[in-house]
Amino acid sequence: MPRPKTMPDEEVLSAAFALMRSHGPDGLTFAALAAATGLSGAALVQRFENKTQLIQRALIQAWDGLDRQTAELMAAVPRTPEGAVALLVGLSGDYGGIDSYADDLRILREDLRDPVLRVRGARWRDVLSAVLDECLAGLPAAAPGLGLLMASQWQGSLLWWSFDPRVPITDFVEQSLARFVEAFARRPAD
């Protein structure tokens, strides 16, 4: 089968991200990407210059996808505590099983090492926290910053789930976040 002469960057970057998910960032090489896409290694180097640029562009594309998914879920959920839980449960569904979650943690290392990608993460945190603040505003014990606290609880619940993944991740997250909301649904003592 002849090599394709061209492939859109989006498809190449999707293949690069898939390689990182299955083999870790260290497993993403121009040779591995050439084998996965059918493009020549030289053509890939010409497009992306070096591995650092390739990883960054693949992860920026992944952040773009997460931003779109977050915006779609935000548009679909009511601005209620139940909507906040639904939003975070919806974002949890893409983690899949324990192996894919663990593989994604290897990729997070790359996000944390790159200042451009850290900015993307901080921007996503701010957008997510703001909509969670809106959803939780009606709770009796609501306070500014509760959205970020809930997002932190969500991330913690993902980590705790990973140590004992017998329950589906979305069920574990939903139960954890329901307890979180319940804690803030009680009227504070006078």
N, C-alpha and C. Protein backbone atom coordinates (compact mmCIF):
# COMPACT_ATOMS: atom_id res chain seq x y z
N MET A 1 0.84 -1.18 0.00
CA MET A 1 0.00 0.00 0.00
C MET A 1 0.89 1.24 0.00
N PRO A 2 0.68 2.16 -0.94
CA PRO A 2 1.53 3.35 -1.01
C PRO A 2 1.26 4.29 0.17
N ARG A 3 2.28 5.05 0.52
CA ARG A 3 2.14 6.05 1.59
C ARG A 3 1.24 7.17 1.11
N PRO A 4 0.38 7.69 2.01
CA PRO A 4 -0.40 8.86 1.61
C PRO A 4 0.53 10.07 1.47
N LYS A 5 0.23 10.91 0.53
CA LYS A 5 1.06 12.09 0.32
C LYS A 5 0.72 13.20 1.30
N THR A 6 -0.51 13.20 1.78
CA THR A 6 -0.91 14.27 2.68
C THR A 6 -1.94 13.75 3.67
N MET A 7 -2.01 14.43 4.78
CA MET A 7 -2.99 14.13 5.82
C MET A 7 -3.14 15.42 6.62
N PRO A 8 -4.36 15.82 6.92
CA PRO A 8 -4.52 17.06 7.70
C PRO A 8 -3.82 16.98 9.05
N ASP A 9 -3.31 18.10 9.51
CA ASP A 9 -2.63 18.15 10.80
C ASP A 9 -3.50 17.57 11.92
N GLU A 10 -4.80 17.86 11.87
CA GLU A 10 -5.70 17.38 12.93
C GLU A 10 -5.65 15.85 13.04
N GLU A 11 -5.63 15.18 11.91
CA GLU A 11 -5.56 13.71 11.93
C GLU A 11 -4.21 13.22 12.42
N VAL A 12 -3.15 13.88 12.01
CA VAL A 12 -1.80 13.50 12.46
C VAL A 12 -1.69 13.71 13.96
N LEU A 13 -2.19 14.84 14.45
CA LEU A 13 -2.12 15.13 15.88
C LEU A 13 -3.00 14.18 16.69
N SER A 14 -4.12 13.77 16.14
CA SER A 14 -4.96 12.76 16.81
C SER A 14 -4.21 11.44 16.92
N ALA A 15 -3.50 11.08 15.87
CA ALA A 15 -2.70 9.85 15.91
C ALA A 15 -1.57 9.98 16.92
N ALA A 16 -0.96 11.17 17.00
CA ALA A 16 0.11 11.40 17.98
C ALA A 16 -0.44 11.27 19.40
N PHE A 17 -1.61 11.85 19.65
CA PHE A 17 -2.22 11.77 20.97
C PHE A 17 -2.56 10.31 21.31
N ALA A 18 -3.07 9.58 20.35
CA ALA A 18 -3.39 8.16 20.57
C ALA A 18 -2.12 7.37 20.93
N LEU A 19 -1.02 7.67 20.27
CA LEU A 19 0.24 7.01 20.61
C LEU A 19 0.68 7.36 22.02
N MET A 20 0.52 8.63 22.41
CA MET A 20 0.88 9.01 23.78
C MET A 20 0.01 8.30 24.80
N ARG A 21 -1.27 8.16 24.48
CA ARG A 21 -2.17 7.49 25.42
C ARG A 21 -1.81 6.02 25.56
N SER A 22 -1.43 5.39 24.48
CA SER A 22 -1.16 3.95 24.56
C SER A 22 0.28 3.62 24.96
N HIS A 23 1.23 4.49 24.66
CA HIS A 23 2.64 4.19 24.92
C HIS A 23 3.34 5.23 25.79
N GLY A 24 2.60 6.22 26.24
CA GLY A 24 3.20 7.29 27.02
C GLY A 24 3.89 8.29 26.12
N PRO A 25 4.17 9.48 26.63
CA PRO A 25 4.85 10.51 25.82
C PRO A 25 6.19 10.04 25.29
N ASP A 26 6.89 9.21 26.03
CA ASP A 26 8.19 8.73 25.56
C ASP A 26 8.04 7.79 24.36
N GLY A 27 6.87 7.18 24.23
CA GLY A 27 6.61 6.28 23.11
C GLY A 27 6.23 6.99 21.83
N LEU A 28 6.01 8.30 21.92
CA LEU A 28 5.72 9.07 20.71
C LEU A 28 7.03 9.48 20.06
N THR A 29 7.31 8.85 18.94
CA THR A 29 8.49 9.20 18.15
C THR A 29 8.02 9.49 16.73
N PHE A 30 8.88 10.14 15.98
CA PHE A 30 8.51 10.38 14.58
C PHE A 30 8.39 9.07 13.82
N ALA A 31 9.20 8.10 14.18
CA ALA A 31 9.11 6.79 13.50
C ALA A 31 7.79 6.11 13.84
N ALA A 32 7.39 6.15 15.11
CA ALA A 32 6.11 5.52 15.50
C ALA A 32 4.94 6.25 14.85
N LEU A 33 5.02 7.57 14.80
CA LEU A 33 3.94 8.34 14.17
C LEU A 33 3.89 8.09 12.67
N ALA A 34 5.05 7.95 12.05
CA ALA A 34 5.10 7.63 10.62
C ALA A 34 4.43 6.28 10.37
N ALA A 35 4.71 5.31 11.22
CA ALA A 35 4.10 3.99 11.06
C ALA A 35 2.58 4.06 11.27
N ALA A 36 2.14 4.89 12.21
CA ALA A 36 0.70 5.00 12.51
C ALA A 36 -0.07 5.76 11.43
N THR A 37 0.59 6.71 10.78
CA THR A 37 -0.12 7.55 9.80
C THR A 37 0.17 7.17 8.36
N GLY A 38 1.27 6.47 8.13
CA GLY A 38 1.66 6.17 6.77
C GLY A 38 2.43 7.29 6.11
N LEU A 39 2.63 8.39 6.82
CA LEU A 39 3.43 9.50 6.30
C LEU A 39 4.90 9.21 6.56
N SER A 40 5.77 9.84 5.82
CA SER A 40 7.20 9.62 6.04
C SER A 40 7.65 10.38 7.28
N GLY A 41 8.64 9.84 7.95
CA GLY A 41 9.22 10.52 9.10
C GLY A 41 9.74 11.90 8.74
N ALA A 42 10.36 12.01 7.56
CA ALA A 42 10.90 13.30 7.11
C ALA A 42 9.78 14.34 6.95
N ALA A 43 8.66 13.91 6.39
CA ALA A 43 7.53 14.84 6.22
C ALA A 43 7.01 15.30 7.58
N LEU A 44 6.99 14.40 8.54
CA LEU A 44 6.51 14.77 9.88
C LEU A 44 7.47 15.73 10.58
N VAL A 45 8.76 15.49 10.44
CA VAL A 45 9.75 16.39 11.02
C VAL A 45 9.64 17.76 10.36
N GLN A 46 9.42 17.78 9.06
CA GLN A 46 9.27 19.04 8.34
C GLN A 46 8.06 19.81 8.88
N ARG A 47 6.98 19.12 9.19
CA ARG A 47 5.75 19.76 9.70
C ARG A 47 5.86 20.22 11.14
N PHE A 48 6.46 19.39 11.98
CA PHE A 48 6.41 19.65 13.43
C PHE A 48 7.76 19.99 14.05
N GLU A 49 8.82 19.97 13.27
CA GLU A 49 10.17 20.37 13.66
C GLU A 49 10.83 19.44 14.67
N ASN A 50 10.21 19.23 15.84
CA ASN A 50 10.84 18.39 16.86
C ASN A 50 9.76 17.77 17.73
N LYS A 51 10.18 16.85 18.57
CA LYS A 51 9.23 16.12 19.40
C LYS A 51 8.51 17.04 20.38
N THR A 52 9.22 18.02 20.91
CA THR A 52 8.58 18.96 21.86
C THR A 52 7.42 19.69 21.20
N GLN A 53 7.64 20.17 19.97
CA GLN A 53 6.56 20.85 19.24
C GLN A 53 5.41 19.90 18.93
N LEU A 54 5.75 18.69 18.55
CA LEU A 54 4.73 17.69 18.23
C LEU A 54 3.85 17.39 19.44
N ILE A 55 4.48 17.17 20.59
CA ILE A 55 3.71 16.90 21.81
C ILE A 55 2.85 18.11 22.17
N GLN A 56 3.43 19.29 22.11
CA GLN A 56 2.66 20.49 22.47
C GLN A 56 1.46 20.66 21.56
N ARG A 57 1.65 20.51 20.27
CA ARG A 57 0.52 20.69 19.33
C ARG A 57 -0.54 19.62 19.53
N ALA A 58 -0.12 18.37 19.79
CA ALA A 58 -1.10 17.31 20.04
C ALA A 58 -1.89 17.60 21.31
N LEU A 59 -1.22 18.10 22.33
CA LEU A 59 -1.92 18.39 23.58
C LEU A 59 -2.78 19.65 23.47
N ILE A 60 -2.36 20.63 22.70
CA ILE A 60 -3.22 21.80 22.47
C ILE A 60 -4.50 21.35 21.76
N GLN A 61 -4.37 20.47 20.80
CA GLN A 61 -5.57 19.96 20.13
C GLN A 61 -6.46 19.20 21.12
N ALA A 62 -5.86 18.45 22.03
CA ALA A 62 -6.64 17.74 23.05
C ALA A 62 -7.34 18.74 23.97
N TRP A 63 -6.64 19.81 24.36
CA TRP A 63 -7.27 20.85 25.18
C TRP A 63 -8.44 21.49 24.43
N ASP A 64 -8.26 21.72 23.13
CA ASP A 64 -9.36 22.28 22.33
C ASP A 64 -10.59 21.38 22.40
N GLY A 65 -10.37 20.08 22.32
CA GLY A 65 -11.47 19.13 22.41
C GLY A 65 -12.13 19.15 23.78
N LEU A 66 -11.32 19.24 24.84
CA LEU A 66 -11.87 19.31 26.19
C LEU A 66 -12.66 20.61 26.38
N ASP A 67 -12.15 21.70 25.83
CA ASP A 67 -12.89 22.97 25.90
C ASP A 67 -14.25 22.86 25.22
N ARG A 68 -14.28 22.22 24.05
CA ARG A 68 -15.56 22.04 23.33
C ARG A 68 -16.51 21.16 24.14
N GLN A 69 -16.00 20.05 24.65
CA GLN A 69 -16.83 19.14 25.45
C GLN A 69 -17.37 19.86 26.68
N THR A 70 -16.53 20.62 27.35
CA THR A 70 -16.96 21.36 28.54
C THR A 70 -18.04 22.37 28.18
N ALA A 71 -17.85 23.10 27.09
CA ALA A 71 -18.85 24.09 26.66
C ALA A 71 -20.18 23.43 26.33
N GLU A 72 -20.14 22.29 25.66
CA GLU A 72 -21.38 21.57 25.33
C GLU A 72 -22.10 21.11 26.59
N LEU A 73 -21.37 20.56 27.53
CA LEU A 73 -21.99 20.12 28.78
C LEU A 73 -22.51 21.31 29.58
N MET A 74 -21.75 22.39 29.62
CA MET A 74 -22.19 23.58 30.34
C MET A 74 -23.50 24.11 29.77
N ALA A 75 -23.63 24.07 28.45
CA ALA A 75 -24.86 24.55 27.81
C ALA A 75 -26.04 23.64 28.09
N ALA A 76 -25.78 22.39 28.39
CA ALA A 76 -26.85 21.41 28.54
C ALA A 76 -27.35 21.25 29.98
N VAL A 77 -26.55 21.65 30.97
CA VAL A 77 -26.96 21.39 32.35
C VAL A 77 -27.63 22.62 32.96
N PRO A 78 -28.60 22.37 33.83
CA PRO A 78 -29.22 23.51 34.53
C PRO A 78 -28.25 24.10 35.54
N ARG A 79 -28.43 25.34 35.88
CA ARG A 79 -27.56 26.00 36.85
C ARG A 79 -28.08 25.70 38.26
N THR A 80 -27.94 24.44 38.62
CA THR A 80 -28.36 23.91 39.92
C THR A 80 -27.26 23.02 40.45
N PRO A 81 -27.31 22.66 41.72
CA PRO A 81 -26.32 21.71 42.22
C PRO A 81 -26.34 20.39 41.45
N GLU A 82 -27.54 19.93 41.07
CA GLU A 82 -27.63 18.70 40.27
C GLU A 82 -26.97 18.89 38.91
N GLY A 83 -27.09 20.08 38.36
CA GLY A 83 -26.42 20.39 37.09
C GLY A 83 -24.91 20.37 37.23
N ALA A 84 -24.41 20.85 38.37
CA ALA A 84 -22.97 20.81 38.62
C ALA A 84 -22.47 19.38 38.66
N VAL A 85 -23.21 18.52 39.36
CA VAL A 85 -22.83 17.11 39.43
C VAL A 85 -22.87 16.49 38.03
N ALA A 86 -23.94 16.77 37.29
CA ALA A 86 -24.08 16.21 35.94
C ALA A 86 -22.93 16.66 35.03
N LEU A 87 -22.53 17.90 35.15
CA LEU A 87 -21.42 18.42 34.34
C LEU A 87 -20.13 17.64 34.63
N LEU A 88 -19.81 17.46 35.89
CA LEU A 88 -18.56 16.78 36.24
C LEU A 88 -18.63 15.28 35.96
N VAL A 89 -19.80 14.68 36.15
CA VAL A 89 -19.96 13.27 35.79
C VAL A 89 -19.78 13.12 34.28
N GLY A 90 -20.35 14.05 33.52
CA GLY A 90 -20.20 14.01 32.06
C GLY A 90 -18.75 14.11 31.63
N LEU A 91 -17.99 14.95 32.32
CA LEU A 91 -16.57 15.08 31.99
C LEU A 91 -15.78 13.84 32.42
N SER A 92 -16.30 13.07 33.35
CA SER A 92 -15.61 11.87 33.84
C SER A 92 -15.75 10.69 32.91
N GLY A 93 -16.76 10.68 32.08
CA GLY A 93 -17.03 9.52 31.22
C GLY A 93 -15.93 9.21 30.24
N ASP A 94 -15.14 10.21 29.85
CA ASP A 94 -14.08 10.00 28.87
C ASP A 94 -12.85 9.31 29.44
N TYR A 95 -12.77 9.21 30.76
CA TYR A 95 -11.60 8.57 31.35
C TYR A 95 -11.58 7.08 31.08
N GLY A 96 -12.73 6.48 30.92
CA GLY A 96 -12.77 5.04 30.64
C GLY A 96 -12.38 4.25 31.87
N GLY A 97 -11.63 3.19 31.67
CA GLY A 97 -11.22 2.32 32.76
C GLY A 97 -9.93 2.77 33.40
N ILE A 98 -9.48 1.97 34.33
CA ILE A 98 -8.29 2.31 35.10
C ILE A 98 -7.05 2.43 34.22
N ASP A 99 -6.91 1.59 33.22
CA ASP A 99 -5.70 1.66 32.38
C ASP A 99 -5.64 2.97 31.61
N SER A 100 -6.75 3.40 31.02
CA SER A 100 -6.72 4.65 30.27
C SER A 100 -6.55 5.84 31.21
N TYR A 101 -7.14 5.77 32.42
CA TYR A 101 -6.95 6.85 33.39
C TYR A 101 -5.47 6.96 33.76
N ALA A 102 -4.84 5.82 34.06
CA ALA A 102 -3.42 5.83 34.41
C ALA A 102 -2.56 6.34 33.26
N ASP A 103 -2.90 5.95 32.04
CA ASP A 103 -2.16 6.43 30.88
C ASP A 103 -2.29 7.94 30.73
N ASP A 104 -3.48 8.46 31.01
CA ASP A 104 -3.70 9.91 30.90
C ASP A 104 -2.90 10.67 31.95
N LEU A 105 -2.63 10.06 33.09
CA LEU A 105 -1.80 10.73 34.10
C LEU A 105 -0.37 10.91 33.59
N ARG A 106 0.11 9.95 32.78
CA ARG A 106 1.44 10.11 32.18
C ARG A 106 1.45 11.32 31.26
N ILE A 107 0.35 11.55 30.57
CA ILE A 107 0.27 12.69 29.65
C ILE A 107 0.17 14.00 30.42
N LEU A 108 -0.51 13.98 31.56
CA LEU A 108 -0.63 15.19 32.38
C LEU A 108 0.74 15.75 32.74
N ARG A 109 1.70 14.86 32.91
CA ARG A 109 3.07 15.30 33.19
C ARG A 109 3.56 16.29 32.14
N GLU A 110 3.22 16.03 30.88
CA GLU A 110 3.65 16.92 29.80
C GLU A 110 2.94 18.27 29.89
N ASP A 111 1.66 18.26 30.26
CA ASP A 111 0.94 19.52 30.44
C ASP A 111 1.58 20.36 31.53
N LEU A 112 2.02 19.71 32.61
CA LEU A 112 2.59 20.43 33.74
C LEU A 112 3.99 20.95 33.45
N ARG A 113 4.69 20.34 32.54
CA ARG A 113 6.05 20.76 32.19
C ARG A 113 6.08 21.94 31.22
N ASP A 114 5.01 22.16 30.49
CA ASP A 114 4.99 23.14 29.41
C ASP A 114 4.20 24.38 29.83
N PRO A 115 4.83 25.55 29.88
CA PRO A 115 4.13 26.76 30.33
C PRO A 115 2.90 27.10 29.47
N VAL A 116 2.95 26.83 28.19
CA VAL A 116 1.80 27.11 27.31
C VAL A 116 0.63 26.21 27.69
N LEU A 117 0.92 24.96 27.97
CA LEU A 117 -0.14 24.02 28.33
C LEU A 117 -0.66 24.28 29.75
N ARG A 118 0.20 24.75 30.63
CA ARG A 118 -0.27 25.12 31.98
C ARG A 118 -1.27 26.26 31.90
N VAL A 119 -1.03 27.20 31.00
CA VAL A 119 -1.98 28.31 30.81
C VAL A 119 -3.33 27.76 30.36
N ARG A 120 -3.31 26.79 29.45
CA ARG A 120 -4.58 26.17 29.00
C ARG A 120 -5.30 25.52 30.16
N GLY A 121 -4.56 24.81 31.01
CA GLY A 121 -5.17 24.18 32.16
C GLY A 121 -5.76 25.19 33.13
N ALA A 122 -5.04 26.27 33.37
CA ALA A 122 -5.54 27.31 34.28
C ALA A 122 -6.79 27.98 33.72
N ARG A 123 -6.80 28.20 32.43
CA ARG A 123 -7.99 28.82 31.81
C ARG A 123 -9.19 27.89 31.92
N TRP A 124 -8.98 26.59 31.67
CA TRP A 124 -10.08 25.63 31.79
C TRP A 124 -10.58 25.57 33.24
N ARG A 125 -9.65 25.55 34.19
CA ARG A 125 -10.02 25.57 35.62
C ARG A 125 -10.92 26.77 35.93
N ASP A 126 -10.55 27.93 35.42
CA ASP A 126 -11.32 29.14 35.70
C ASP A 126 -12.72 29.08 35.11
N VAL A 127 -12.84 28.61 33.88
CA VAL A 127 -14.15 28.49 33.23
C VAL A 127 -15.01 27.48 33.97
N LEU A 128 -14.44 26.33 34.27
CA LEU A 128 -15.17 25.27 34.96
C LEU A 128 -15.59 25.73 36.35
N SER A 129 -14.69 26.36 37.09
CA SER A 129 -15.01 26.82 38.44
C SER A 129 -16.11 27.88 38.42
N ALA A 130 -16.08 28.75 37.43
CA ALA A 130 -17.09 29.81 37.36
C ALA A 130 -18.49 29.23 37.13
N VAL A 131 -18.61 28.27 36.23
CA VAL A 131 -19.93 27.68 35.99
C VAL A 131 -20.38 26.86 37.20
N LEU A 132 -19.45 26.20 37.87
CA LEU A 132 -19.81 25.48 39.09
C LEU A 132 -20.26 26.45 40.18
N ASP A 133 -19.62 27.60 40.28
CA ASP A 133 -20.07 28.64 41.22
C ASP A 133 -21.52 29.02 40.93
N GLU A 134 -21.84 29.20 39.65
CA GLU A 134 -23.22 29.54 39.26
C GLU A 134 -24.18 28.44 39.70
N CYS A 135 -23.80 27.21 39.47
CA CYS A 135 -24.67 26.07 39.80
C CYS A 135 -24.89 25.94 41.31
N LEU A 136 -23.90 26.29 42.09
CA LEU A 136 -23.96 26.07 43.54
C LEU A 136 -24.41 27.30 44.32
N ALA A 137 -24.63 28.41 43.63
CA ALA A 137 -24.94 29.68 44.30
C ALA A 137 -26.16 29.61 45.21
N GLY A 138 -27.12 28.76 44.90
CA GLY A 138 -28.33 28.68 45.71
C GLY A 138 -28.22 27.83 46.96
N LEU A 139 -27.10 27.18 47.16
CA LEU A 139 -26.95 26.34 48.36
C LEU A 139 -26.86 27.22 49.61
N PRO A 140 -27.45 26.79 50.71
CA PRO A 140 -27.42 27.59 51.94
C PRO A 140 -26.01 27.94 52.41
N ALA A 141 -25.07 27.04 52.25
CA ALA A 141 -23.71 27.29 52.72
C ALA A 141 -22.76 27.68 51.59
N ALA A 142 -23.32 28.17 50.48
CA ALA A 142 -22.47 28.55 49.34
C ALA A 142 -21.63 29.77 49.71
N ALA A 143 -20.43 29.79 49.19
CA ALA A 143 -19.51 30.91 49.39
C ALA A 143 -18.71 31.07 48.12
N PRO A 144 -18.15 32.25 47.89
CA PRO A 144 -17.30 32.42 46.71
C PRO A 144 -16.18 31.38 46.70
N GLY A 145 -15.93 30.82 45.54
CA GLY A 145 -14.87 29.83 45.41
C GLY A 145 -15.34 28.40 45.61
N LEU A 146 -16.63 28.21 45.89
CA LEU A 146 -17.13 26.85 46.10
C LEU A 146 -17.00 26.01 44.83
N GLY A 147 -17.09 26.64 43.65
CA GLY A 147 -16.94 25.91 42.39
C GLY A 147 -15.56 25.29 42.27
N LEU A 148 -14.52 26.03 42.63
CA LEU A 148 -13.16 25.48 42.58
C LEU A 148 -13.01 24.36 43.61
N LEU A 149 -13.63 24.53 44.76
CA LEU A 149 -13.59 23.47 45.77
C LEU A 149 -14.27 22.20 45.25
N MET A 150 -15.39 22.36 44.55
CA MET A 150 -16.07 21.19 43.99
C MET A 150 -15.23 20.54 42.89
N ALA A 151 -14.61 21.37 42.06
CA ALA A 151 -13.74 20.83 41.02
C ALA A 151 -12.58 20.06 41.64
N SER A 152 -12.06 20.56 42.74
CA SER A 152 -10.98 19.86 43.46
C SER A 152 -11.49 18.54 44.04
N GLN A 153 -12.70 18.56 44.58
CA GLN A 153 -13.31 17.32 45.09
C GLN A 153 -13.46 16.31 43.95
N TRP A 154 -13.87 16.80 42.79
CA TRP A 154 -14.03 15.93 41.61
C TRP A 154 -12.71 15.28 41.24
N GLN A 155 -11.66 16.09 41.13
CA GLN A 155 -10.36 15.53 40.76
C GLN A 155 -9.87 14.55 41.82
N GLY A 156 -10.11 14.87 43.09
CA GLY A 156 -9.74 13.94 44.15
C GLY A 156 -10.52 12.64 44.07
N SER A 157 -11.80 12.73 43.73
CA SER A 157 -12.61 11.51 43.63
C SER A 157 -12.10 10.62 42.49
N LEU A 158 -11.62 11.22 41.42
CA LEU A 158 -11.03 10.43 40.33
C LEU A 158 -9.80 9.67 40.82
N LEU A 159 -8.98 10.36 41.58
CA LEU A 159 -7.78 9.72 42.10
C LEU A 159 -8.13 8.60 43.08
N TRP A 160 -9.05 8.85 44.01
CA TRP A 160 -9.43 7.82 44.98
C TRP A 160 -10.07 6.63 44.27
N TRP A 161 -10.89 6.89 43.25
CA TRP A 161 -11.48 5.80 42.47
C TRP A 161 -10.38 4.91 41.89
N SER A 162 -9.29 5.52 41.43
CA SER A 162 -8.26 4.77 40.72
C SER A 162 -7.59 3.71 41.59
N PHE A 163 -7.62 3.87 42.90
CA PHE A 163 -7.01 2.87 43.77
C PHE A 163 -7.89 1.64 43.96
N ASP A 164 -9.18 1.78 43.68
CA ASP A 164 -10.11 0.65 43.84
C ASP A 164 -11.21 0.79 42.79
N PRO A 165 -10.88 0.53 41.52
CA PRO A 165 -11.79 0.84 40.41
C PRO A 165 -12.85 -0.22 40.12
N ARG A 166 -13.39 -0.82 41.17
CA ARG A 166 -14.42 -1.85 40.95
C ARG A 166 -15.75 -1.24 40.52
N VAL A 167 -16.04 -0.04 40.96
CA VAL A 167 -17.27 0.66 40.61
C VAL A 167 -17.00 1.47 39.35
N PRO A 168 -17.96 1.58 38.43
CA PRO A 168 -17.73 2.46 37.27
C PRO A 168 -17.37 3.87 37.71
N ILE A 169 -16.45 4.47 37.01
CA ILE A 169 -15.93 5.77 37.41
C ILE A 169 -17.04 6.82 37.54
N THR A 170 -18.00 6.81 36.63
CA THR A 170 -19.07 7.82 36.70
C THR A 170 -19.93 7.62 37.94
N ASP A 171 -20.16 6.38 38.35
CA ASP A 171 -20.94 6.13 39.56
C ASP A 171 -20.19 6.62 40.79
N PHE A 172 -18.90 6.34 40.85
CA PHE A 172 -18.09 6.76 41.99
C PHE A 172 -18.07 8.29 42.08
N VAL A 173 -17.86 8.95 40.95
CA VAL A 173 -17.81 10.41 40.93
C VAL A 173 -19.16 10.99 41.34
N GLU A 174 -20.23 10.43 40.80
CA GLU A 174 -21.56 10.95 41.13
C GLU A 174 -21.84 10.82 42.63
N GLN A 175 -21.52 9.69 43.22
CA GLN A 175 -21.74 9.49 44.66
C GLN A 175 -20.89 10.46 45.48
N SER A 176 -19.65 10.63 45.10
CA SER A 176 -18.76 11.53 45.82
C SER A 176 -19.25 12.97 45.75
N LEU A 177 -19.65 13.40 44.57
CA LEU A 177 -20.10 14.78 44.40
C LEU A 177 -21.46 15.02 45.05
N ALA A 178 -22.31 14.01 45.08
CA ALA A 178 -23.59 14.14 45.76
C ALA A 178 -23.36 14.38 47.26
N ARG A 179 -22.39 13.67 47.84
CA ARG A 179 -22.06 13.89 49.26
C ARG A 179 -21.50 15.29 49.47
N PHE A 180 -20.70 15.75 48.52
CA PHE A 180 -20.14 17.10 48.60
C PHE A 180 -21.27 18.13 48.62
N VAL A 181 -22.19 18.01 47.67
CA VAL A 181 -23.31 18.96 47.59
C VAL A 181 -24.14 18.90 48.86
N GLU A 182 -24.40 17.71 49.35
CA GLU A 182 -25.18 17.54 50.59
C GLU A 182 -24.55 18.28 51.75
N ALA A 183 -23.24 18.25 51.84
CA ALA A 183 -22.54 18.94 52.93
C ALA A 183 -22.78 20.44 52.89
N PHE A 184 -22.93 20.99 51.70
CA PHE A 184 -23.13 22.44 51.57
C PHE A 184 -24.61 22.81 51.46
N ALA A 185 -25.47 21.79 51.39
CA ALA A 185 -26.90 22.05 51.31
C ALA A 185 -27.50 22.30 52.69
N ARG A 186 -26.77 21.96 53.74
CA ARG A 186 -27.25 22.22 55.10
C ARG A 186 -27.02 23.67 55.44
N ARG A 187 -27.99 24.22 56.16
CA ARG A 187 -27.87 25.61 56.61
C ARG A 187 -26.75 25.71 57.64
N PRO A 188 -25.86 26.69 57.48
CA PRO A 188 -24.79 26.82 58.48
C PRO A 188 -25.38 27.15 59.86
N ALA A 189 -24.71 26.67 60.89
CA ALA A 189 -25.17 26.96 62.24
C ALA A 189 -25.06 28.45 62.53
N ASP A 190 -26.06 28.97 63.21
CA ASP A 190 -26.04 30.41 63.54
C ASP A 190 -25.17 30.71 64.74
